[in-house]
Protein backbone atom coordinates (compact mmCIF):
# COMPACT_ATOMS: atom_id res chain seq x y z
CA MET A 1 -73.05 -16.46 -43.99
CA ASP A 2 -72.40 -14.97 -47.23
CA GLN A 3 -71.60 -16.21 -50.01
CA PRO A 4 -68.26 -15.17 -50.00
CA THR A 5 -67.49 -16.38 -46.63
CA ALA A 6 -69.13 -19.44 -47.27
CA THR A 7 -66.80 -20.09 -50.49
CA ARG A 8 -63.87 -19.59 -49.27
CA LEU A 9 -64.79 -22.09 -46.34
CA LEU A 10 -65.53 -24.33 -48.27
CA ASP A 11 -62.68 -23.64 -51.10
CA ASP A 12 -60.57 -24.57 -47.70
CA LEU A 13 -62.14 -27.48 -46.45
CA HIS A 14 -62.29 -29.10 -50.35
CA ALA A 15 -58.62 -28.53 -50.53
CA ALA A 16 -57.51 -30.07 -46.86
CA GLN A 17 -60.01 -33.36 -48.21
CA ASN A 18 -57.94 -33.40 -51.36
CA THR A 19 -54.86 -32.75 -49.90
CA PHE A 20 -55.26 -35.60 -47.03
CA TYR A 21 -57.24 -38.20 -50.16
CA ALA A 22 -53.88 -37.78 -52.02
CA GLY A 23 -52.46 -39.13 -48.85
CA GLY A 24 -51.14 -35.61 -46.74
CA ASP A 25 -51.42 -34.33 -42.99
CA GLY A 26 -54.79 -34.04 -41.30
CA THR A 27 -53.77 -31.91 -39.53
CA ALA A 28 -55.92 -28.46 -41.63
CA LEU A 29 -58.91 -30.76 -42.12
CA ARG A 30 -58.60 -31.49 -38.58
CA HIS A 31 -59.01 -27.62 -37.59
CA LEU A 32 -61.94 -27.24 -40.11
CA LEU A 33 -64.12 -29.19 -38.18
CA THR A 34 -65.42 -29.21 -34.48
CA GLU A 35 -64.87 -31.75 -32.26
CA ASP A 36 -67.99 -33.27 -32.14
CA VAL A 37 -68.46 -33.30 -35.76
CA VAL A 38 -71.52 -35.56 -37.54
CA TRP A 39 -70.88 -36.42 -40.84
CA THR A 40 -74.02 -38.65 -43.40
CA VAL A 41 -73.16 -40.75 -45.91
CA PRO A 42 -76.68 -42.37 -47.59
CA GLY A 43 -76.83 -45.41 -49.27
CA ARG A 44 -76.00 -49.55 -49.17
CA ASN A 45 -71.93 -49.22 -49.80
CA ARG A 46 -68.55 -49.77 -47.81
CA ILE A 47 -69.27 -45.90 -46.79
CA ALA A 48 -71.95 -45.32 -45.85
CA GLY A 49 -72.89 -44.92 -42.17
CA THR A 50 -73.07 -42.13 -39.61
CA TYR A 51 -69.95 -40.77 -38.76
CA ARG A 52 -70.18 -38.82 -34.80
CA GLY A 53 -66.40 -37.17 -33.41
CA LEU A 54 -63.28 -37.05 -35.23
CA ASP A 55 -61.87 -40.23 -34.62
CA GLU A 56 -64.91 -42.17 -36.81
CA VAL A 57 -65.47 -39.07 -38.81
CA PHE A 58 -61.48 -39.37 -40.23
CA ALA A 59 -62.06 -43.14 -40.16
CA TYR A 60 -64.26 -42.74 -42.82
CA PHE A 61 -62.18 -40.00 -44.38
CA THR A 62 -58.96 -43.09 -43.99
CA ARG A 63 -61.21 -46.23 -45.58
CA ARG A 64 -62.48 -43.55 -48.45
CA ARG A 65 -59.20 -41.84 -49.42
CA ASP A 66 -58.16 -45.97 -48.96
CA LEU A 67 -60.60 -47.62 -51.58
CA ALA A 68 -59.49 -44.83 -53.98
CA SER A 69 -55.99 -45.83 -54.04
CA ARG A 70 -54.85 -41.95 -52.99
CA THR A 71 -56.72 -41.06 -56.43
CA PHE A 72 -60.11 -38.93 -54.46
CA ARG A 73 -60.65 -35.35 -55.98
CA MET A 74 -63.66 -32.95 -55.08
CA HIS A 75 -64.39 -30.56 -58.06
CA ARG A 76 -66.53 -27.96 -55.94
CA ALA A 77 -69.54 -26.15 -58.69
CA ASP A 78 -71.38 -24.02 -56.97
CA VAL A 79 -72.64 -22.97 -53.18
CA LEU A 80 -75.68 -22.29 -52.02
CA VAL A 81 -76.18 -20.24 -48.75
CA GLY A 82 -78.62 -18.60 -47.05
CA SER A 83 -79.17 -16.41 -43.38
CA GLY A 84 -78.75 -19.54 -41.53
CA ASP A 85 -76.00 -22.09 -40.12
CA LYS A 86 -76.19 -23.74 -43.05
CA VAL A 87 -74.39 -23.86 -46.09
CA ALA A 88 -74.28 -26.46 -49.62
CA ALA A 89 -71.95 -27.49 -52.21
CA LEU A 90 -72.25 -28.51 -54.90
CA THR A 91 -69.95 -30.87 -55.70
CA ASP A 92 -67.69 -33.52 -58.29
CA GLY A 93 -66.27 -36.30 -57.22
CA THR A 94 -63.50 -38.26 -58.76
CA ALA A 95 -61.89 -40.84 -57.80
CA VAL A 96 -60.29 -44.19 -59.27
CA VAL A 97 -61.86 -47.01 -57.28
CA GLY A 98 -61.45 -50.87 -58.52
CA GLY A 99 -59.29 -49.88 -61.06
CA GLU A 100 -61.65 -48.06 -62.89
CA GLN A 101 -61.89 -43.80 -63.56
CA ARG A 102 -65.49 -42.80 -61.19
CA ARG A 103 -67.66 -38.97 -61.80
CA TRP A 104 -70.34 -38.41 -59.84
CA SER A 105 -72.13 -35.16 -57.94
CA THR A 106 -73.24 -34.69 -54.37
CA VAL A 107 -75.27 -31.80 -52.84
CA GLY A 108 -72.85 -31.61 -49.70
CA LEU A 109 -75.21 -29.58 -47.03
CA TYR A 110 -73.01 -28.41 -44.42
CA GLY A 111 -74.03 -27.31 -40.57
CA LEU A 112 -71.06 -24.57 -39.36
CA ARG A 113 -70.57 -23.39 -35.95
CA GLU A 114 -68.30 -20.30 -35.53
CA LEU A 115 -66.59 -20.39 -38.88
CA ARG A 116 -66.56 -24.52 -38.61
CA ILE A 117 -68.19 -27.62 -40.04
CA GLU A 118 -70.36 -30.03 -37.42
CA ALA A 119 -72.32 -31.35 -39.43
CA CYS A 120 -72.28 -33.28 -43.17
CA TRP A 121 -75.30 -34.69 -44.90
CA LEU A 122 -73.69 -36.16 -48.46
CA LEU A 123 -76.29 -36.17 -51.13
CA PRO A 124 -75.42 -37.93 -53.97
CA LEU A 125 -77.07 -36.77 -57.31
CA ASP A 126 -77.21 -40.41 -58.64
CA ALA A 127 -77.68 -42.82 -55.63
CA ALA A 128 -77.29 -46.06 -57.45
CA LEU A 129 -74.03 -43.96 -59.11
CA PHE A 130 -73.00 -43.67 -56.24
CA ASP A 131 -73.62 -47.10 -54.39
CA GLU A 132 -72.43 -49.03 -57.35
CA ILE A 133 -69.04 -46.89 -57.32
CA TRP A 134 -68.14 -47.18 -53.67
CA GLY A 135 -69.14 -51.25 -53.44
CA PRO A 136 -71.83 -52.61 -51.98
CA GLU A 137 -71.57 -52.90 -47.60
CA PRO A 138 -69.53 -56.07 -46.76
CA SER A 139 -72.37 -58.74 -45.40
């Protein structure tokens, strides 16, 4: 995967996610994901888990959107590519969660198939902060 193609794909993904997280339609976002997409979010918080398939992944996206009262935005910084089918993006997130403006940084490692996202492993740079922002797991 070359740098310009990877950057364009991730810019499209983040733009579609930002639109969805603001309350918009998820059609563009669905077109960027494979039917069997797997999305993994680590931690001990309300959004942590491994989500399989479009329905589960969109349920996760919807929960995240609702927890952030439609304020969640992604701000891509750097994109790392290699010769394989994976790319990484350093991305900052911002949202109002629990009435407080929050900011965090993650690396998203994406698996690609035919220029669509088939997997994402989210890696918060400060796991404790990420858990604090997204709240404790429900009992």
